[in-house]
Amino acid sequence: MPGWNASDIPDQTGRIAVVTGANSGIGYVTARELARKGARVVLACRSEARGHEAGDRLVTEAPGADVEFGRLDLADLRSVRDFAHWYPYDRLDLLVNNAGVMALPYGTTADGFETQFGVNHLGHFALTGLLLPTLLATPGARVVTVSSTMHATSNIDINDLNSEHRYRRWTAYARSKTANLLFTHELARRLTAHGSDVVAAAAHPGYAATNLQTAGPRMADRRLSERFMRIGNRFFAQSSDAGALPTLYAATAPEVRPDSFTGPSFAGWRGAPAPAWRAPWTLNDKAGDRLWTESEHLTGVTYDGLKPRSVTPSARSRPR
């Protein structure tokens, strides 16, 4: 792993990858580098215009790349189902759950979920479940979910997953990133119980310059905060290319293990991919079970291809 970079990605010829949020930032770099190594990559993006623009740019930067656009709005479960129904291949070697939002003003998705929890966790939970039969049918498939070091600042509140009691934008973001890691943990456990060789792993980019940092302040018209984030991106953050390396490592390196968490080597901030520290609560089996049950209930997506586990049902109802 020391010094690992994009040139170390194994040949991906014959493999098919879906990358969510592939039109910009880390998602775009992830898609581009997978395509450079021969993978057929589906750019799963909310905006058709930005998705096609990213595809055109990618082919320019990686001549001969095999890419296509698939519309996916993780803030709308109908769109998630439509994408899974549209997916045109009988194999899926790699699903990269990359798309996300950060520190937004309070809002809700089309289905009534708090936006950060709904997009960052529930949308990807539903997408993975709907694509699960194809993943299980593909030898050596992987699911890589992108979390954040910010997860360490807050555990989930299983009784207030949608932040209905009190909303703090950074706490809600941290909880959604904890949910990403708990999802990876529980998915890995269930895949093992099923006897599947599908690997569920997680990664984080450290501090990478993307539009994620400025979107929230811009939406809230916090101009000073937006300017501060732009300065941080310019002078302190690593590039999107560097930030994508942990995701690419988790997605392609042969030695990656189930439920592993990969991030930058230097203080979790920048540098080559390395094992990342994670908060103990992201490895809690009971919490993983409970979040899984709630997520199935809220999304209506059940993972029928995996062996059932003994979980405690919740009386919590889906938001209207």
Protein backbone atom coordinates (compact mmCIF):
# COMPACT_ATOMS: atom_id res chain seq x y z
CA MET A 1 0.00 0.00 0.00
CA PRO A 2 2.84 2.54 0.63
CA GLY A 3 2.98 4.99 -2.27
CA TRP A 4 -0.01 3.39 -3.99
CA ASN A 5 -1.37 5.55 -6.81
CA ALA A 6 -3.65 5.34 -9.83
CA SER A 7 -1.00 3.62 -11.93
CA ASP A 8 -1.25 0.65 -9.53
CA ILE A 9 -4.90 -0.03 -10.38
CA PRO A 10 -5.11 -3.56 -11.81
CA ASP A 11 -6.45 -4.09 -15.30
CA GLN A 12 -10.23 -3.61 -15.26
CA THR A 13 -10.96 -4.94 -18.75
CA GLY A 14 -14.27 -6.78 -18.84
CA ARG A 15 -15.49 -5.27 -15.57
CA ILE A 16 -18.52 -3.01 -15.21
CA ALA A 17 -18.67 -0.25 -12.62
CA VAL A 18 -21.41 2.12 -11.45
CA VAL A 19 -20.18 5.33 -9.83
CA THR A 20 -22.73 7.62 -8.21
CA GLY A 21 -22.09 11.35 -8.37
CA ALA A 22 -19.62 10.79 -11.20
CA ASN A 23 -20.07 14.16 -12.87
CA SER A 24 -17.59 16.02 -10.63
CA GLY A 25 -14.99 15.80 -7.92
CA ILE A 26 -13.93 12.47 -6.49
CA GLY A 27 -16.66 10.60 -8.33
CA TYR A 28 -15.49 11.92 -11.67
CA VAL A 29 -11.86 11.02 -10.98
CA THR A 30 -12.90 7.55 -9.78
CA ALA A 31 -14.88 6.95 -12.96
CA ARG A 32 -12.10 8.28 -15.18
CA GLU A 33 -9.37 6.14 -13.64
CA LEU A 34 -11.50 2.98 -13.74
CA ALA A 35 -12.26 3.68 -17.40
CA ARG A 36 -8.57 4.26 -18.14
CA LYS A 37 -7.89 0.76 -16.85
CA GLY A 38 -10.49 -0.75 -19.16
CA ALA A 39 -13.70 -0.85 -17.12
CA ARG A 40 -17.05 0.02 -18.63
CA VAL A 41 -18.31 2.78 -16.34
CA VAL A 42 -21.85 3.98 -15.79
CA LEU A 43 -21.92 7.61 -14.67
CA ALA A 44 -24.88 7.65 -12.29
CA CYS A 45 -25.78 11.34 -11.93
CA ARG A 46 -28.82 13.43 -11.09
CA SER A 47 -28.38 15.94 -13.92
CA GLU A 48 -28.52 14.58 -17.45
CA ALA A 49 -26.76 17.66 -18.84
CA ARG A 50 -23.90 17.49 -16.31
CA GLY A 51 -23.67 13.73 -16.66
CA HIS A 52 -23.27 13.87 -20.44
CA GLU A 53 -20.84 16.79 -20.14
CA ALA A 54 -18.75 14.73 -17.70
CA GLY A 55 -18.84 11.78 -20.09
CA ASP A 56 -17.59 13.94 -22.96
CA ARG A 57 -14.81 15.37 -20.79
CA LEU A 58 -13.83 11.93 -19.55
CA VAL A 59 -13.48 10.53 -23.06
CA THR A 60 -11.29 13.52 -23.95
CA GLU A 61 -9.03 12.88 -20.96
CA ALA A 62 -9.06 9.10 -21.38
CA PRO A 63 -9.38 8.35 -25.10
CA GLY A 64 -11.14 5.08 -25.80
CA ALA A 65 -12.95 5.10 -22.45
CA ASP A 66 -16.19 3.10 -22.37
CA VAL A 67 -18.67 5.23 -20.42
CA GLU A 68 -22.37 5.89 -20.43
CA PHE A 69 -24.82 8.01 -18.47
CA GLY A 70 -27.55 6.72 -16.21
CA ARG A 71 -29.88 9.15 -14.47
CA LEU A 72 -29.97 8.70 -10.71
CA ASP A 73 -31.38 11.10 -8.13
CA LEU A 74 -30.60 9.69 -4.69
CA ALA A 75 -33.03 12.17 -3.14
CA ASP A 76 -35.93 10.40 -4.86
CA LEU A 77 -36.53 6.68 -4.27
CA ARG A 78 -38.58 6.48 -7.46
CA SER A 79 -35.50 7.59 -9.39
CA VAL A 80 -33.39 5.01 -7.55
CA ARG A 81 -35.83 2.28 -8.53
CA ASP A 82 -35.95 3.54 -12.11
CA PHE A 83 -32.16 3.42 -12.33
CA ALA A 84 -32.01 -0.13 -10.98
CA HIS A 85 -34.74 -1.19 -13.40
CA TRP A 86 -32.91 0.51 -16.28
CA TYR A 87 -29.49 -0.98 -15.48
CA PRO A 88 -28.89 -2.92 -18.71
CA TYR A 89 -26.20 -5.47 -17.81
CA ASP A 90 -26.30 -8.94 -16.32
CA ARG A 91 -23.21 -8.30 -14.21
CA LEU A 92 -22.01 -5.55 -11.89
CA ASP A 93 -18.42 -5.84 -10.71
CA LEU A 94 -18.22 -2.60 -8.78
CA LEU A 95 -20.72 -0.27 -7.20
CA VAL A 96 -19.16 2.93 -5.85
CA ASN A 97 -21.57 4.74 -3.52
CA ASN A 98 -19.81 8.08 -3.83
CA ALA A 99 -22.41 10.83 -4.24
CA GLY A 100 -23.23 12.96 -1.24
CA VAL A 101 -24.24 16.31 0.18
CA MET A 102 -22.67 18.13 3.12
CA ALA A 103 -23.85 20.57 5.78
CA LEU A 104 -26.92 21.75 3.92
CA PRO A 105 -29.69 23.90 5.39
CA TYR A 106 -32.55 21.75 6.65
CA GLY A 107 -34.57 20.19 3.87
CA THR A 108 -36.24 16.95 2.92
CA THR A 109 -36.03 14.55 0.00
CA ALA A 110 -38.91 13.68 -2.31
CA ASP A 111 -39.85 10.94 0.15
CA GLY A 112 -39.78 13.13 3.24
CA PHE A 113 -36.38 12.20 4.68
CA GLU A 114 -33.91 14.75 6.04
CA THR A 115 -31.79 15.51 3.00
CA GLN A 116 -28.34 14.48 4.22
CA PHE A 117 -29.52 11.20 5.75
CA GLY A 118 -31.79 10.57 2.79
CA VAL A 119 -29.16 11.16 0.08
CA ASN A 120 -25.97 10.00 1.78
CA HIS A 121 -27.35 6.85 3.39
CA LEU A 122 -30.90 5.87 2.43
CA GLY A 123 -30.49 6.50 -1.30
CA HIS A 124 -27.38 4.34 -1.42
CA PHE A 125 -28.91 1.70 0.83
CA ALA A 126 -31.84 1.40 -1.57
CA LEU A 127 -29.63 1.42 -4.65
CA THR A 128 -27.35 -1.31 -3.31
CA GLY A 129 -30.31 -3.46 -2.31
CA LEU A 130 -31.99 -3.13 -5.69
CA LEU A 131 -28.76 -4.02 -7.50
CA LEU A 132 -27.91 -6.81 -5.06
CA PRO A 133 -29.06 -9.74 -7.26
CA THR A 134 -26.71 -8.57 -10.02
CA LEU A 135 -23.86 -8.06 -7.56
CA LEU A 136 -24.37 -11.53 -6.09
CA ALA A 137 -24.33 -13.03 -9.58
CA THR A 138 -20.96 -11.41 -10.38
CA PRO A 139 -17.88 -13.24 -9.09
CA GLY A 140 -15.60 -10.96 -7.10
CA ALA A 141 -17.97 -7.98 -7.03
CA ARG A 142 -17.43 -5.08 -4.63
CA VAL A 143 -19.50 -2.36 -3.00
CA VAL A 144 -17.45 0.67 -1.91
CA THR A 145 -19.21 3.35 0.12
CA VAL A 146 -17.58 6.74 0.65
CA SER A 147 -17.71 8.03 4.22
CA SER A 148 -15.79 10.83 5.95
CA THR A 149 -13.55 11.47 8.95
CA MET A 150 -16.42 13.68 10.13
CA HIS A 151 -18.27 10.51 11.11
CA ALA A 152 -16.19 10.56 14.30
CA THR A 153 -17.94 13.67 15.58
CA SER A 154 -21.36 12.07 16.00
CA ASN A 155 -23.00 8.67 16.29
CA ILE A 156 -26.44 8.15 14.77
CA ASP A 157 -29.54 8.69 16.89
CA ILE A 158 -31.65 5.66 16.04
CA ASN A 159 -34.71 7.40 17.51
CA ASP A 160 -34.22 10.55 15.42
CA LEU A 161 -32.66 9.45 12.15
CA ASN A 162 -34.30 12.31 10.27
CA SER A 163 -33.23 15.01 12.75
CA GLU A 164 -36.82 15.92 13.48
CA HIS A 165 -36.17 16.87 17.11
CA ARG A 166 -33.25 19.19 16.45
CA TYR A 167 -31.37 19.93 13.26
CA ARG A 168 -27.71 20.93 13.19
CA ARG A 169 -26.26 20.71 9.72
CA TRP A 170 -22.79 19.40 10.67
CA THR A 171 -24.19 16.89 13.15
CA ALA A 172 -26.62 15.62 10.54
CA TYR A 173 -23.76 15.25 8.08
CA ALA A 174 -21.61 13.37 10.59
CA ARG A 175 -24.49 11.03 11.42
CA SER A 176 -25.04 10.27 7.74
CA LYS A 177 -21.36 9.38 7.40
CA THR A 178 -21.57 7.14 10.48
CA ALA A 179 -24.56 5.51 8.78
CA ASN A 180 -22.36 4.84 5.72
CA LEU A 181 -19.87 2.93 7.88
CA LEU A 182 -22.54 1.06 9.85
CA PHE A 183 -24.14 0.07 6.54
CA THR A 184 -20.80 -1.23 5.26
CA HIS A 185 -20.26 -3.15 8.50
CA GLU A 186 -23.66 -4.81 8.44
CA LEU A 187 -23.57 -5.48 4.70
CA ALA A 188 -20.20 -7.21 5.11
CA ARG A 189 -21.59 -9.32 7.97
CA ARG A 190 -24.64 -10.37 5.99
CA LEU A 191 -22.66 -11.16 2.86
CA THR A 192 -20.35 -13.38 4.93
CA ALA A 193 -23.32 -15.15 6.50
CA HIS A 194 -24.67 -15.71 3.01
CA GLY A 195 -21.37 -17.24 1.88
CA SER A 196 -20.94 -14.59 -0.81
CA ASP A 197 -17.57 -13.37 -2.06
CA VAL A 198 -18.92 -9.85 -2.64
CA VAL A 199 -16.71 -7.43 -0.69
CA ALA A 200 -18.31 -4.47 1.09
CA ALA A 201 -15.69 -1.84 1.97
CA ALA A 202 -15.54 1.87 2.76
CA ALA A 203 -13.21 4.77 2.05
CA HIS A 204 -12.82 8.46 2.74
CA PRO A 205 -10.96 11.15 0.77
CA GLY A 206 -9.46 13.16 3.63
CA TYR A 207 -9.56 16.87 2.88
CA ALA A 208 -9.99 17.09 -0.87
CA ALA A 209 -10.97 20.12 -2.91
CA THR A 210 -14.43 19.51 -4.36
CA ASN A 211 -17.67 21.47 -4.70
CA LEU A 212 -19.02 19.59 -1.66
CA GLN A 213 -17.58 22.16 0.74
CA THR A 214 -19.15 25.20 -0.91
CA ALA A 215 -22.61 23.86 -1.79
CA GLY A 216 -24.06 24.16 1.71
CA PRO A 217 -22.91 27.73 2.43
CA ARG A 218 -24.06 28.80 -1.04
CA MET A 219 -27.53 27.32 -0.49
CA ALA A 220 -27.80 29.10 2.86
CA ASP A 221 -26.43 32.34 1.40
CA ARG A 222 -23.58 32.28 3.93
CA ARG A 223 -21.12 34.14 1.74
CA LEU A 224 -18.36 34.42 4.34
CA SER A 225 -18.48 30.68 4.99
CA GLU A 226 -18.44 29.96 1.27
CA ARG A 227 -15.40 32.21 0.83
CA PHE A 228 -13.65 30.51 3.77
CA MET A 229 -14.30 27.09 2.22
CA ARG A 230 -12.92 28.24 -1.13
CA ILE A 231 -9.75 29.49 0.56
CA GLY A 232 -9.38 26.17 2.38
CA ASN A 233 -9.83 24.24 -0.86
CA ARG A 234 -7.23 26.36 -2.60
CA PHE A 235 -4.47 26.42 0.00
CA PHE A 236 -4.92 23.40 2.29
CA ALA A 237 -6.87 20.67 0.53
CA GLN A 238 -5.39 18.01 -1.69
CA SER A 239 -6.67 17.65 -5.24
CA SER A 240 -9.67 15.58 -6.29
CA ASP A 241 -7.23 13.24 -8.03
CA ALA A 242 -5.46 12.58 -4.74
CA GLY A 243 -8.73 12.44 -2.79
CA ALA A 244 -10.04 9.68 -5.06
CA LEU A 245 -7.13 7.34 -4.38
CA PRO A 246 -8.58 5.71 -1.22
CA THR A 247 -11.81 4.97 -3.10
CA LEU A 248 -9.89 3.55 -6.05
CA TYR A 249 -7.75 1.44 -3.73
CA ALA A 250 -10.82 0.05 -1.93
CA ALA A 251 -12.44 -0.61 -5.30
CA THR A 252 -9.57 -2.42 -7.03
CA ALA A 253 -6.69 -3.52 -4.80
CA PRO A 254 -6.62 -7.34 -4.46
CA GLU A 255 -5.86 -7.28 -0.73
CA VAL A 256 -8.91 -5.24 0.32
CA ARG A 257 -10.91 -7.07 3.00
CA PRO A 258 -14.63 -6.89 3.85
CA ASP A 259 -15.55 -4.02 6.18
CA SER A 260 -12.19 -2.32 5.70
CA PHE A 261 -11.93 1.47 5.82
CA THR A 262 -9.31 3.23 3.70
CA GLY A 263 -8.22 6.87 3.81
CA PRO A 264 -5.18 9.09 3.26
CA SER A 265 -2.08 8.06 5.18
CA PHE A 266 -1.06 11.43 6.66
CA ALA A 267 -3.29 12.15 9.67
CA GLY A 268 -6.31 11.02 7.65
CA TRP A 269 -5.96 14.24 5.71
CA ARG A 270 -3.79 13.64 2.66
CA GLY A 271 -1.34 11.18 1.17
CA ALA A 272 -1.38 7.64 -0.24
CA PRO A 273 -4.16 5.21 0.77
CA ALA A 274 -3.79 3.54 4.17
CA PRO A 275 -6.03 1.84 6.75
CA ALA A 276 -8.19 4.52 8.37
CA TRP A 277 -9.26 4.88 11.98
CA ARG A 278 -12.99 4.59 12.61
CA ALA A 279 -15.12 5.30 15.63
CA PRO A 280 -15.99 2.19 17.69
CA TRP A 281 -19.70 2.78 17.21
CA THR A 282 -19.34 2.06 13.49
CA LEU A 283 -18.41 -1.55 14.35
CA ASN A 284 -21.33 -2.18 16.68
CA ASP A 285 -23.29 -5.22 15.49
CA LYS A 286 -26.48 -4.29 17.32
CA ALA A 287 -26.43 -0.74 15.93
CA GLY A 288 -25.83 -2.10 12.43
CA ASP A 289 -28.82 -4.43 12.79
CA ARG A 290 -31.07 -1.65 14.00
CA LEU A 291 -30.03 0.80 11.29
CA TRP A 292 -30.53 -1.92 8.66
CA THR A 293 -34.04 -2.67 9.90
CA GLU A 294 -34.96 1.01 9.95
CA SER A 295 -33.47 1.54 6.49
CA GLU A 296 -35.47 -1.34 5.01
CA HIS A 297 -38.60 0.05 6.66
CA LEU A 298 -38.04 3.61 5.50
CA THR A 299 -37.07 2.79 1.91
CA GLY A 300 -39.23 -0.28 1.36
CA VAL A 301 -36.16 -2.04 -0.08
CA THR A 302 -35.39 -5.42 1.45
CA TYR A 303 -32.26 -7.45 0.78
CA ASP A 304 -34.02 -10.69 -0.06
CA GLY A 305 -30.86 -12.17 -1.60
CA LEU A 306 -29.12 -12.32 1.78
CA LYS A 307 -29.85 -14.64 4.66
CA PRO A 308 -32.17 -12.99 7.16
CA ARG A 309 -30.77 -12.02 10.53
CA SER A 310 -32.50 -11.80 13.86
CA VAL A 311 -33.23 -8.11 14.30
CA THR A 312 -35.54 -6.16 16.55
CA PRO A 313 -38.29 -4.43 14.54
CA SER A 314 -39.00 -0.79 15.22
CA ALA A 315 -42.33 0.90 15.64
CA ARG A 316 -41.05 4.04 13.95
CA SER A 317 -43.12 5.04 10.95
CA ARG A 318 -41.96 6.37 7.64
CA PRO A 319 -42.07 10.17 7.36
CA ARG A 320 -44.87 11.63 5.32
